[in-house]
C-alpha cells in the first residue's frame, strides 16, 4: 500500500465537510442545529452534505414536530458505521505504509 491508494478511499466520506459530519455522528445522534454550530458550515452547505450522506445510506434522519417547532435529528446508520470503520482502517494503513523507515538526514 502507498500514498496512491488514497485515490481508492470512500469519496463520500473523504470530503472534508462530510468527514467532519461523520466524525461528529460517530459519537452520538445530533440535531441539525448542533451540526450547524459544530461544523461552521452554512445551512445550505450542511443540508447538501447531509443529503449526500443520507443518499449513500450512511446517515439516517428523524423528523419530529411541525413548522417552527420541528426538530431534525441525524444518526450514523449501520452501513455508515461500517463504511467509516473501513475508511479509518484504510487511512491508517496508508499512513503506516508511507512513514519513513529510518532517520532522514537534513539536506
PDB file of N, CA and C in Angstrom:
ATOM      1  N   UNK A   1       0.849  -1.174   0.000  1.00  0.00           N
ATOM      2  CA  UNK A   1       0.000   0.000   0.000  1.00  0.00           C
ATOM      3  C   UNK A   1       0.894   1.237   0.000  1.00  0.00           C
ATOM      4  N   UNK A   2       0.482   2.259  -0.744  1.00  0.00           N
ATOM      5  CA  UNK A   2       1.248   3.504  -0.776  1.00  0.00           C
ATOM      6  C   UNK A   2       0.303   4.693  -0.874  1.00  0.00           C
ATOM      7  N   UNK A   3       0.875   5.874  -0.953  1.00  0.00           N
ATOM      8  CA  UNK A   3       0.080   7.101  -0.949  1.00  0.00           C
ATOM      9  C   UNK A   3      -0.912   7.151  -2.111  1.00  0.00           C
ATOM     10  N   UNK A   4      -0.609   6.499  -3.222  1.00  0.00           N
ATOM     11  CA  UNK A   4      -1.551   6.484  -4.355  1.00  0.00           C
ATOM     12  C   UNK A   4      -2.845   5.775  -3.990  1.00  0.00           C
ATOM     13  N   UNK A   5      -2.824   4.968  -2.949  1.00  0.00           N
ATOM     14  CA  UNK A   5      -4.036   4.281  -2.522  1.00  0.00           C
ATOM     15  C   UNK A   5      -5.089   5.252  -1.981  1.00  0.00           C
ATOM     16  N   UNK A   6      -4.700   6.493  -1.760  1.00  0.00           N
ATOM     17  CA  UNK A   6      -5.672   7.496  -1.338  1.00  0.00           C
ATOM     18  C   UNK A   6      -6.770   7.672  -2.380  1.00  0.00           C
ATOM     19  N   UNK A   7      -6.472   7.377  -3.630  1.00  0.00           N
ATOM     20  CA  UNK A   7      -7.496   7.516  -4.663  1.00  0.00           C
ATOM     21  C   UNK A   7      -8.599   6.476  -4.504  1.00  0.00           C
ATOM     22  N   UNK A   8      -8.364   5.451  -3.702  1.00  0.00           N
ATOM     23  CA  UNK A   8      -9.351   4.397  -3.501  1.00  0.00           C
ATOM     24  C   UNK A   8     -10.208   4.589  -2.253  1.00  0.00           C
ATOM     25  N   UNK A   9      -9.980   5.646  -1.489  1.00  0.00           N
ATOM     26  CA  UNK A   9     -10.779   5.836  -0.276  1.00  0.00           C
ATOM     27  C   UNK A   9     -12.205   6.233  -0.648  1.00  0.00           C
ATOM     28  N   UNK A  10     -13.104   6.035   0.261  1.00  0.00           N
ATOM     29  CA  UNK A  10     -14.513   6.349   0.058  1.00  0.00           C
ATOM     30  C   UNK A  10     -14.677   7.854  -0.103  1.00  0.00           C
ATOM     31  N   UNK A  11     -14.962   8.302  -1.326  1.00  0.00           N
ATOM     32  CA  UNK A  11     -15.063   9.730  -1.624  1.00  0.00           C
ATOM     33  C   UNK A  11     -16.259  10.382  -0.936  1.00  0.00           C
ATOM     34  N   UNK A  12     -17.268   9.593  -0.635  1.00  0.00           N
ATOM     35  CA  UNK A  12     -18.421  10.157   0.064  1.00  0.00           C
ATOM     36  C   UNK A  12     -18.004  10.631   1.444  1.00  0.00           C
ATOM     37  N   UNK A  13     -17.169   9.882   2.118  1.00  0.00           N
ATOM     38  CA  UNK A  13     -16.707  10.248   3.459  1.00  0.00           C
ATOM     39  C   UNK A  13     -15.523  11.196   3.383  1.00  0.00           C
ATOM     40  N   UNK A  14     -14.669  11.044   2.396  1.00  0.00           N
ATOM     41  CA  UNK A  14     -13.383  11.746   2.348  1.00  0.00           C
ATOM     42  C   UNK A  14     -13.505  13.258   2.198  1.00  0.00           C
ATOM     43  N   UNK A  15     -14.589  13.757   1.628  1.00  0.00           N
ATOM     44  CA  UNK A  15     -14.766  15.209   1.510  1.00  0.00           C
ATOM     45  C   UNK A  15     -14.701  15.813   2.912  1.00  0.00           C
ATOM     46  N   UNK A  16     -13.919  16.872   3.103  1.00  0.00           N
ATOM     47  CA  UNK A  16     -13.704  17.404   4.459  1.00  0.00           C
ATOM     48  C   UNK A  16     -14.979  17.668   5.261  1.00  0.00           C
ATOM     49  N   UNK A  17     -15.981  18.273   4.666  1.00  0.00           N
ATOM     50  CA  UNK A  17     -17.209  18.574   5.406  1.00  0.00           C
ATOM     51  C   UNK A  17     -17.917  17.288   5.824  1.00  0.00           C
ATOM     52  N   UNK A  18     -17.969  16.302   4.916  1.00  0.00           N
ATOM     53  CA  UNK A  18     -18.646  15.057   5.253  1.00  0.00           C
ATOM     54  C   UNK A  18     -17.849  14.243   6.268  1.00  0.00           C
ATOM     55  N   UNK A  19     -16.538  14.308   6.198  1.00  0.00           N
ATOM     56  CA  UNK A  19     -15.705  13.644   7.202  1.00  0.00           C
ATOM     57  C   UNK A  19     -15.965  14.244   8.580  1.00  0.00           C
ATOM     58  N   UNK A  20     -16.095  15.561   8.630  1.00  0.00           N
ATOM     59  CA  UNK A  20     -16.385  16.235   9.891  1.00  0.00           C
ATOM     60  C   UNK A  20     -17.748  15.786  10.428  1.00  0.00           C
ATOM     61  N   UNK A  21     -18.741  15.723   9.560  1.00  0.00           N
ATOM     62  CA  UNK A  21     -20.079  15.291   9.970  1.00  0.00           C
ATOM     63  C   UNK A  21     -20.045  13.852  10.476  1.00  0.00           C
ATOM     64  N   UNK A  22     -19.402  12.970   9.740  1.00  0.00           N
ATOM     65  CA  UNK A  22     -19.329  11.564  10.149  1.00  0.00           C
ATOM     66  C   UNK A  22     -18.604  11.415  11.485  1.00  0.00           C
ATOM     67  N   UNK A  23     -17.564  12.195  11.681  1.00  0.00           N
ATOM     68  CA  UNK A  23     -16.819  12.144  12.946  1.00  0.00           C
ATOM     69  C   UNK A  23     -17.716  12.557  14.103  1.00  0.00           C
ATOM     70  N   UNK A  24     -18.515  13.590  13.903  1.00  0.00           N
ATOM     71  CA  UNK A  24     -19.435  14.038  14.956  1.00  0.00           C
ATOM     72  C   UNK A  24     -20.497  12.971  15.207  1.00  0.00           C
ATOM     73  N   UNK A  25     -21.050  12.413  14.131  1.00  0.00           N
ATOM     74  CA  UNK A  25     -22.123  11.429  14.284  1.00  0.00           C
ATOM     75  C   UNK A  25     -21.645  10.097  14.834  1.00  0.00           C
ATOM     76  N   UNK A  26     -20.344   9.848  14.779  1.00  0.00           N
ATOM     77  CA  UNK A  26     -19.815   8.603  15.337  1.00  0.00           C
ATOM     78  C   UNK A  26     -20.093   8.530  16.832  1.00  0.00           C
ATOM     79  N   UNK A  27     -20.103   9.681  17.486  1.00  0.00           N
ATOM     80  CA  UNK A  27     -20.262   9.705  18.933  1.00  0.00           C
ATOM     81  C   UNK A  27     -21.691   9.786  19.428  1.00  0.00           C
ATOM     82  N   UNK A  28     -22.622  10.285  18.606  1.00  0.00           N
ATOM     83  CA  UNK A  28     -23.980  10.493  19.108  1.00  0.00           C
ATOM     84  C   UNK A  28     -24.931  10.865  17.989  1.00  0.00           C
ATOM     85  N   UNK A  29     -26.216  10.730  18.279  1.00  0.00           N
ATOM     86  CA  UNK A  29     -27.246  11.273  17.403  1.00  0.00           C
ATOM     87  C   UNK A  29     -27.346  12.758  17.732  1.00  0.00           C
ATOM     88  N   UNK A  30     -27.377  13.590  16.707  1.00  0.00           N
ATOM     89  CA  UNK A  30     -27.411  15.035  16.959  1.00  0.00           C
ATOM     90  C   UNK A  30     -28.419  15.708  16.033  1.00  0.00           C
ATOM     91  N   UNK A  31     -28.834  16.909  16.427  1.00  0.00           N
ATOM     92  CA  UNK A  31     -29.781  17.631  15.592  1.00  0.00           C
ATOM     93  C   UNK A  31     -29.052  18.576  14.633  1.00  0.00           C
ATOM     94  N   UNK A  32     -29.824  19.105  13.704  1.00  0.00           N
ATOM     95  CA  UNK A  32     -29.281  19.951  12.651  1.00  0.00           C
ATOM     96  C   UNK A  32     -28.579  21.178  13.238  1.00  0.00           C
ATOM     97  N   UNK A  33     -29.179  21.785  14.246  1.00  0.00           N
ATOM     98  CA  UNK A  33     -28.605  22.996  14.841  1.00  0.00           C
ATOM     99  C   UNK A  33     -27.241  22.697  15.462  1.00  0.00           C
ATOM    100  N   UNK A  34     -27.110  21.561  16.122  1.00  0.00           N
ATOM    101  CA  UNK A  34     -25.827  21.175  16.704  1.00  0.00           C
ATOM    102  C   UNK A  34     -24.782  21.000  15.599  1.00  0.00           C
ATOM    103  N   UNK A  35     -25.153  20.288  14.538  1.00  0.00           N
ATOM    104  CA  UNK A  35     -24.213  20.097  13.421  1.00  0.00           C
ATOM    105  C   UNK A  35     -23.833  21.428  12.790  1.00  0.00           C
ATOM    106  N   UNK A  36     -24.785  22.313  12.673  1.00  0.00           N
ATOM    107  CA  UNK A  36     -24.537  23.636  12.101  1.00  0.00           C
ATOM    108  C   UNK A  36     -23.493  24.382  12.925  1.00  0.00           C
ATOM    109  N   UNK A  37     -23.673  24.358  14.227  1.00  0.00           N
ATOM    110  CA  UNK A  37     -22.757  25.057  15.135  1.00  0.00           C
ATOM    111  C   UNK A  37     -21.371  24.404  15.142  1.00  0.00           C
ATOM    112  N   UNK A  38     -21.316  23.089  15.215  1.00  0.00           N
ATOM    113  CA  UNK A  38     -20.034  22.393  15.333  1.00  0.00           C
ATOM    114  C   UNK A  38     -19.220  22.395  14.044  1.00  0.00           C
ATOM    115  N   UNK A  39     -19.892  22.347  12.901  1.00  0.00           N
ATOM    116  CA  UNK A  39     -19.161  22.304  11.633  1.00  0.00           C
ATOM    117  C   UNK A  39     -18.801  23.676  11.104  1.00  0.00           C
ATOM    118  N   UNK A  40     -19.591  24.697  11.449  1.00  0.00           N
ATOM    119  CA  UNK A  40     -19.353  26.030  10.919  1.00  0.00           C
ATOM    120  C   UNK A  40     -19.804  26.186   9.470  1.00  0.00           C
ATOM    121  N   UNK A  41     -20.501  25.190   8.942  1.00  0.00           N
ATOM    122  CA  UNK A  41     -20.992  25.251   7.573  1.00  0.00           C
ATOM    123  C   UNK A  41     -22.248  26.119   7.508  1.00  0.00           C
ATOM    124  N   UNK A  42     -22.567  26.600   6.321  1.00  0.00           N
ATOM    125  CA  UNK A  42     -23.829  27.318   6.138  1.00  0.00           C
ATOM    126  C   UNK A  42     -24.965  26.296   6.159  1.00  0.00           C
ATOM    127  N   UNK A  43     -26.193  26.758   6.362  1.00  0.00           N
ATOM    128  CA  UNK A  43     -27.342  25.850   6.388  1.00  0.00           C
ATOM    129  C   UNK A  43     -27.454  25.067   5.085  1.00  0.00           C
ATOM    130  N   UNK A  44     -27.315  25.760   3.963  1.00  0.00           N
ATOM    131  CA  UNK A  44     -27.437  25.106   2.665  1.00  0.00           C
ATOM    132  C   UNK A  44     -26.335  24.095   2.416  1.00  0.00           C
ATOM    133  N   UNK A  45     -25.098  24.454   2.774  1.00  0.00           N
ATOM    134  CA  UNK A  45     -23.965  23.561   2.577  1.00  0.00           C
ATOM    135  C   UNK A  45     -24.109  22.321   3.452  1.00  0.00           C
ATOM    136  N   UNK A  46     -24.487  22.520   4.705  1.00  0.00           N
ATOM    137  CA  UNK A  46     -24.680  21.388   5.614  1.00  0.00           C
ATOM    138  C   UNK A  46     -25.795  20.481   5.100  1.00  0.00           C
ATOM    139  N   UNK A  47     -26.903  21.078   4.674  1.00  0.00           N
ATOM    140  CA  UNK A  47     -28.023  20.287   4.165  1.00  0.00           C
ATOM    141  C   UNK A  47     -27.613  19.470   2.941  1.00  0.00           C
ATOM    142  N   UNK A  48     -26.801  20.059   2.068  1.00  0.00           N
ATOM    143  CA  UNK A  48     -26.335  19.352   0.869  1.00  0.00           C
ATOM    144  C   UNK A  48     -25.467  18.156   1.241  1.00  0.00           C
ATOM    145  N   UNK A  49     -24.529  18.342   2.169  1.00  0.00           N
ATOM    146  CA  UNK A  49     -23.654  17.244   2.588  1.00  0.00           C
ATOM    147  C   UNK A  49     -24.437  16.155   3.315  1.00  0.00           C
ATOM    148  N   UNK A  50     -25.389  16.556   4.154  1.00  0.00           N
ATOM    149  CA  UNK A  50     -26.214  15.565   4.844  1.00  0.00           C
ATOM    150  C   UNK A  50     -27.053  14.773   3.848  1.00  0.00           C
ATOM    151  N   UNK A  51     -27.553  15.436   2.816  1.00  0.00           N
ATOM    152  CA  UNK A  51     -28.345  14.748   1.789  1.00  0.00           C
ATOM    153  C   UNK A  51     -27.490  13.701   1.067  1.00  0.00           C
ATOM    154  N   UNK A  52     -26.224  14.024   0.794  1.00  0.00           N
ATOM    155  CA  UNK A  52     -25.335  13.055   0.138  1.00  0.00           C
ATOM    156  C   UNK A  52     -25.065  11.863   1.046  1.00  0.00           C
ATOM    157  N   UNK A  53     -24.858  12.131   2.321  1.00  0.00           N
ATOM    158  CA  UNK A  53     -24.621  11.041   3.268  1.00  0.00           C
ATOM    159  C   UNK A  53     -25.877  10.191   3.442  1.00  0.00           C
ATOM    160  N   UNK A  54     -27.035  10.823   3.441  1.00  0.00           N
ATOM    161  CA  UNK A  54     -28.284  10.084   3.561  1.00  0.00           C
ATOM    162  C   UNK A  54     -28.526   9.243   2.307  1.00  0.00           C
ATOM    163  N   UNK A  55     -28.270   9.813   1.133  1.00  0.00           N
ATOM    164  CA  UNK A  55     -28.462   9.077  -0.122  1.00  0.00           C
ATOM    165  C   UNK A  55     -27.544   7.865  -0.213  1.00  0.00           C
ATOM    166  N   UNK A  56     -26.367   7.948   0.411  1.00  0.00           N
ATOM    167  CA  UNK A  56     -25.420   6.832   0.399  1.00  0.00           C
ATOM    168  C   UNK A  56     -25.820   5.742   1.398  1.00  0.00           C
ATOM    169  N   UNK A  57     -26.758   6.069   2.267  1.00  0.00           N
ATOM    170  CA  UNK A  57     -27.169   5.116   3.295  1.00  0.00           C
ATOM    171  C   UNK A  57     -26.312   5.192   4.547  1.00  0.00           C
ATOM    172  N   UNK A  58     -25.437   6.187   4.623  1.00  0.00           N
ATOM    173  CA  UNK A  58     -24.533   6.315   5.768  1.00  0.00           C
ATOM    174  C   UNK A  58     -25.161   7.046   6.946  1.00  0.00           C
ATOM    175  N   UNK A  59     -26.165   7.864   6.671  1.00  0.00           N
ATOM    176  CA  UNK A  59     -26.794   8.671   7.708  1.00  0.00           C
ATOM    177  C   UNK A  59     -28.306   8.522   7.597  1.00  0.00           C
ATOM    178  N   UNK A  60     -28.949   8.377   8.752  1.00  0.00           N
ATOM    179  CA  UNK A  60     -30.401   8.342   8.806  1.00  0.00           C
ATOM    180  C   UNK A  60     -30.918   9.623   9.419  1.00  0.00           C
ATOM    181  N   UNK A  61     -32.130   9.975   9.085  1.00  0.00           N
ATOM    182  CA  UNK A  61     -32.728  11.218   9.578  1.00  0.00           C
ATOM    183  C   UNK A  61     -34.066  10.915  10.239  1.00  0.00           C
ATOM    184  N   UNK A  62     -34.345  11.639  11.317  1.00  0.00           N
ATOM    185  CA  UNK A  62     -35.610  11.509  12.025  1.00  0.00           C
ATOM    186  C   UNK A  62     -36.154  12.913  12.260  1.00  0.00           C
ATOM    187  N   UNK A  63     -37.392  13.140  11.812  1.00  0.00           N
ATOM    188  CA  UNK A  63     -38.015  14.456  11.971  1.00  0.00           C
ATOM    189  C   UNK A  63     -39.180  14.352  12.943  1.00  0.00           C
ATOM    190  N   UNK A  64     -39.223  15.334  13.857  1.00  0.00           N
ATOM    191  CA  UNK A  64     -40.294  15.421  14.850  1.00  0.00           C
ATOM    192  C   UNK A  64     -40.948  16.780  14.754  1.00  0.00           C
ATOM    193  N   UNK A  65     -42.240  16.828  15.012  1.00  0.00           N
ATOM    194  CA  UNK A  65     -42.943  18.102  15.073  1.00  0.00           C
ATOM    195  C   UNK A  65     -43.230  18.671  13.699  1.00  0.00           C
ATOM    196  N   UNK A  66     -43.749  19.922  13.743  1.00  0.00           N
ATOM    197  CA  UNK A  66     -44.106  20.608  12.501  1.00  0.00           C
ATOM    198  C   UNK A  66     -43.742  22.085  12.600  1.00  0.00           C
ATOM    199  N   UNK A  67     -43.492  22.644  11.430  1.00  0.00           N
ATOM    200  CA  UNK A  67     -43.235  24.078  11.347  1.00  0.00           C
ATOM    201  C   UNK A  67     -42.025  24.504  12.147  1.00  0.00           C
ATOM    202  N   UNK A  68     -42.177  25.619  12.875  1.00  0.00           N
ATOM    203  CA  UNK A  68     -41.049  26.184  13.624  1.00  0.00           C
ATOM    204  C   UNK A  68     -40.675  25.346  14.836  1.00  0.00           C
ATOM    205  N   UNK A  69     -41.540  24.428  15.219  1.00  0.00           N
ATOM    206  CA  UNK A  69     -41.250  23.576  16.377  1.00  0.00           C
ATOM    207  C   UNK A  69     -40.674  22.227  15.977  1.00  0.00           C
ATOM    208  N   UNK A  70     -40.336  22.063  14.703  1.00  0.00           N
ATOM    209  CA  UNK A  70     -39.805  20.774  14.262  1.00  0.00           C
ATOM    210  C   UNK A  70     -38.344  20.624  14.662  1.00  0.00           C
ATOM    211  N   UNK A  71     -37.962  19.376  14.799  1.00  0.00           N
ATOM    212  CA  UNK A  71     -36.569  19.055  15.147  1.00  0.00           C
ATOM    213  C   UNK A  71     -36.135  17.891  14.265  1.00  0.00           C
ATOM    214  N   UNK A  72     -34.984  18.060  13.620  1.00  0.00           N
ATOM    215  CA  UNK A  72     -34.440  17.023  12.753  1.00  0.00           C
ATOM    216  C   UNK A  72     -33.177  16.476  13.389  1.00  0.00           C
ATOM    217  N   UNK A  73     -33.161  15.170  13.599  1.00  0.00           N
ATOM    218  CA  UNK A  73     -32.026  14.509  14.228  1.00  0.00           C
ATOM    219  C   UNK A  73     -31.381  13.552  13.228  1.00  0.00           C
ATOM    220  N   UNK A  74     -30.056  13.493  13.272  1.00  0.00           N
ATOM    221  CA  UNK A  74     -29.288  12.636  12.372  1.00  0.00           C
ATOM    222  C   UNK A  74     -28.533  11.604  13.175  1.00  0.00           C
ATOM    223  N   UNK A  75     -28.386  10.422  12.561  1.00  0.00           N
ATOM    224  CA  UNK A  75     -27.626   9.350  13.200  1.00  0.00           C
ATOM    225  C   UNK A  75     -26.878   8.577  12.122  1.00  0.00           C
ATOM    226  N   UNK A  76     -25.725   8.062  12.481  1.00  0.00           N
ATOM    227  CA  UNK A  76     -24.969   7.223  11.566  1.00  0.00           C
ATOM    228  C   UNK A  76     -25.640   5.851  11.541  1.00  0.00           C
ATOM    229  N   UNK A  77     -25.903   5.344  10.353  1.00  0.00           N
ATOM    230  CA  UNK A  77     -26.524   4.025  10.209  1.00  0.00           C
ATOM    231  C   UNK A  77     -25.472   2.929  10.393  1.00  0.00           C
ATOM    232  N   UNK A  78     -25.935   1.697  10.420  1.00  0.00           N
ATOM    233  CA  UNK A  78     -25.005   0.564  10.470  1.00  0.00           C
ATOM    234  C   UNK A  78     -24.076   0.556   9.263  1.00  0.00           C
ATOM    235  N   UNK A  79     -24.644   0.847   8.088  1.00  0.00           N
ATOM    236  CA  UNK A  79     -23.811   0.917   6.879  1.00  0.00           C
ATOM    237  C   UNK A  79     -22.799   2.050   6.995  1.00  0.00           C
ATOM    238  N   UNK A  80     -23.216   3.160   7.584  1.00  0.00           N
ATOM    239  CA  UNK A  80     -22.301   4.288   7.782  1.00  0.00           C
ATOM    240  C   UNK A  80     -21.187   3.944   8.754  1.00  0.00           C
ATOM    241  N   UNK A  81     -21.533   3.223   9.821  1.00  0.00           N
ATOM    242  CA  UNK A  81     -20.520   2.812  10.788  1.00  0.00           C
ATOM    243  C   UNK A  81     -19.499   1.890  10.143  1.00  0.00           C
ATOM    244  N   UNK A  82     -19.977   0.956   9.337  1.00  0.00           N
ATOM    245  CA  UNK A  82     -19.067   0.023   8.653  1.00  0.00           C
ATOM    246  C   UNK A  82     -18.184   0.768   7.656  1.00  0.00           C
ATOM    247  N   UNK A  83     -18.777   1.678   6.889  1.00  0.00           N
ATOM    248  CA  UNK A  83     -18.006   2.441   5.901  1.00  0.00           C
ATOM    249  C   UNK A  83     -16.978   3.334   6.588  1.00  0.00           C
ATOM    250  N   UNK A  84     -17.360   3.946   7.703  1.00  0.00           N
ATOM    251  CA  UNK A  84     -16.443   4.818   8.431  1.00  0.00           C
ATOM    252  C   UNK A  84     -15.287   4.021   9.014  1.00  0.00           C
ATOM    253  N   UNK A  85     -15.574   2.834   9.523  1.00  0.00           N
ATOM    254  CA  UNK A  85     -14.517   1.963  10.056  1.00  0.00           C
ATOM    255  C   UNK A  85     -13.545   1.557   8.950  1.00  0.00           C
ATOM    256  N   UNK A  86     -14.084   1.176   7.780  1.00  0.00           N
ATOM    257  CA  UNK A  86     -13.219   0.831   6.636  1.00  0.00           C
ATOM    258  C   UNK A  86     -12.363   2.022   6.223  1.00  0.00           C
ATOM    259  N   UNK A  87     -12.972   3.185   6.170  1.00  0.00           N
ATOM    260  CA  UNK A  87     -12.263   4.410   5.793  1.00  0.00           C
ATOM    261  C   UNK A  87     -11.093   4.670   6.749  1.00  0.00           C
ATOM    262  N   UNK A  88     -11.365   4.598   8.047  1.00  0.00           N
ATOM    263  CA  UNK A  88     -10.323   4.839   9.056  1.00  0.00           C
ATOM    264  C   UNK A  88      -9.205   3.803   8.947  1.00  0.00           C
ATOM    265  N   UNK A  89      -9.561   2.538   8.771  1.00  0.00           N
ATOM    266  CA  UNK A  89      -8.550   1.479   8.635  1.00  0.00           C
ATOM    267  C   UNK A  89      -7.699   1.693   7.390  1.00  0.00           C
ATOM    268  N   UNK A  90      -8.330   2.063   6.306  1.00  0.00           N
ATOM    269  CA  UNK A  90      -7.587   2.293   5.068  1.00  0.00           C
ATOM    270  C   UNK A  90      -6.619   3.460   5.218  1.00  0.00           C
ATOM    271  N   UNK A  91      -7.073   4.548   5.816  1.00  0.00           N
ATOM    272  CA  UNK A  91      -6.174   5.684   6.029  1.00  0.00           C
ATOM    273  C   UNK A  91      -5.012   5.298   6.940  1.00  0.00           C
ATOM    274  N   UNK A  92      -5.307   4.510   7.974  1.00  0.00           N
ATOM    275  CA  UNK A  92      -4.241   4.095   8.892  1.00  0.00           C
ATOM    276  C   UNK A  92      -3.211   3.246   8.164  1.00  0.00           C
ATOM    277  N   UNK A  93      -3.658   2.334   7.301  1.00  0.00           N
ATOM    278  CA  UNK A  93      -2.721   1.514   6.527  1.00  0.00           C
ATOM    279  C   UNK A  93      -1.878   2.392   5.597  1.00  0.00           C
ATOM    280  N   UNK A  94      -2.488   3.382   4.997  1.00  0.00           N
ATOM    281  CA  UNK A  94      -1.746   4.285   4.107  1.00  0.00           C
ATOM    282  C   UNK A  94      -0.696   5.055   4.894  1.00  0.00           C
ATOM    283  N   UNK A  95      -1.085   5.597   6.031  1.00  0.00           N
ATOM    284  CA  UNK A  95      -0.137   6.349   6.864  1.00  0.00           C
ATOM    285  C   UNK A  95       0.996   5.443   7.329  1.00  0.00           C
ATOM    286  N   UNK A  96       0.656   4.252   7.796  1.00  0.00           N
ATOM    287  CA  UNK A  96       1.674   3.327   8.273  1.00  0.00           C
ATOM    288  C   UNK A  96       2.629   2.897   7.162  1.00  0.00           C
ATOM    289  N   UNK A  97       2.115   2.722   5.955  1.00  0.00           N
ATOM    290  CA  UNK A  97       2.959   2.236   4.872  1.00  0.00           C
ATOM    291  C   UNK A  97       3.821   3.329   4.242  1.00  0.00           C
ATOM    292  N   UNK A  98       3.475   4.581   4.468  1.00  0.00           N
ATOM    293  CA  UNK A  98       4.249   5.675   3.869  1.00  0.00           C
ATOM    294  C   UNK A  98       5.154   6.371   4.877  1.00  0.00           C
ATOM    295  N   UNK A  99       5.163   5.899   6.110  1.00  0.00           N
ATOM    296  CA  UNK A  99       6.031   6.503   7.127  1.00  0.00           C
ATOM    297  C   UNK A  99       7.497   6.229   6.786  1.00  0.00           C
ATOM    298  N   UNK A 100       8.364   7.198   7.050  1.00  0.00           N
ATOM    299  CA  UNK A 100       9.794   6.978   6.799  1.00  0.00           C
ATOM    300  C   UNK A 100      10.298   5.759   7.565  1.00  0.00           C
ATOM    301  N   UNK A 101      11.184   5.014   6.970  1.00  0.00           N
ATOM    302  CA  UNK A 101      11.681   3.768   7.553  1.00  0.00           C
ATOM    303  C   UNK A 101      12.972   3.960   8.361  1.00  0.00           C
ATOM    304  N   UNK A 102      13.447   5.122   8.423  1.00  0.00           N
ATOM    305  CA  UNK A 102      14.671   5.371   9.169  1.00  0.00           C
ATOM    306  C   UNK A 102      14.832   6.863   9.375  1.00  0.00           C
ATOM    307  N   UNK A 103      15.956   7.251   9.849  1.00  0.00           N
ATOM    308  CA  UNK A 103      16.204   8.674  10.055  1.00  0.00           C
ATOM    309  C   UNK A 103      16.458   9.355   8.729  1.00  0.00           C
ATOM    310  N   UNK A 104      15.850  10.479   8.591  1.00  0.00           N
ATOM    311  CA  UNK A 104      16.124  11.296   7.413  1.00  0.00           C
ATOM    312  C   UNK A 104      17.216  12.285   7.775  1.00  0.00           C
ATOM    313  N   UNK A 105      18.209  12.373   6.949  1.00  0.00           N
ATOM    314  CA  UNK A 105      19.298  13.309   7.195  1.00  0.00           C
ATOM    315  C   UNK A 105      18.914  14.678   6.637  1.00  0.00           C
ATOM    316  N   UNK A 106      19.240  15.729   7.359  1.00  0.00           N
ATOM    317  CA  UNK A 106      18.940  17.075   6.863  1.00  0.00           C
ATOM    318  C   UNK A 106      19.686  17.316   5.537  1.00  0.00           C
ATOM    319  N   UNK A 107      18.988  18.001   4.631  1.00  0.00           N
ATOM    320  CA  UNK A 107      19.553  18.260   3.310  1.00  0.00           C
ATOM    321  C   UNK A 107      20.466  19.380   3.352  1.00  0.00           C
TER     322      UNK A 107
END
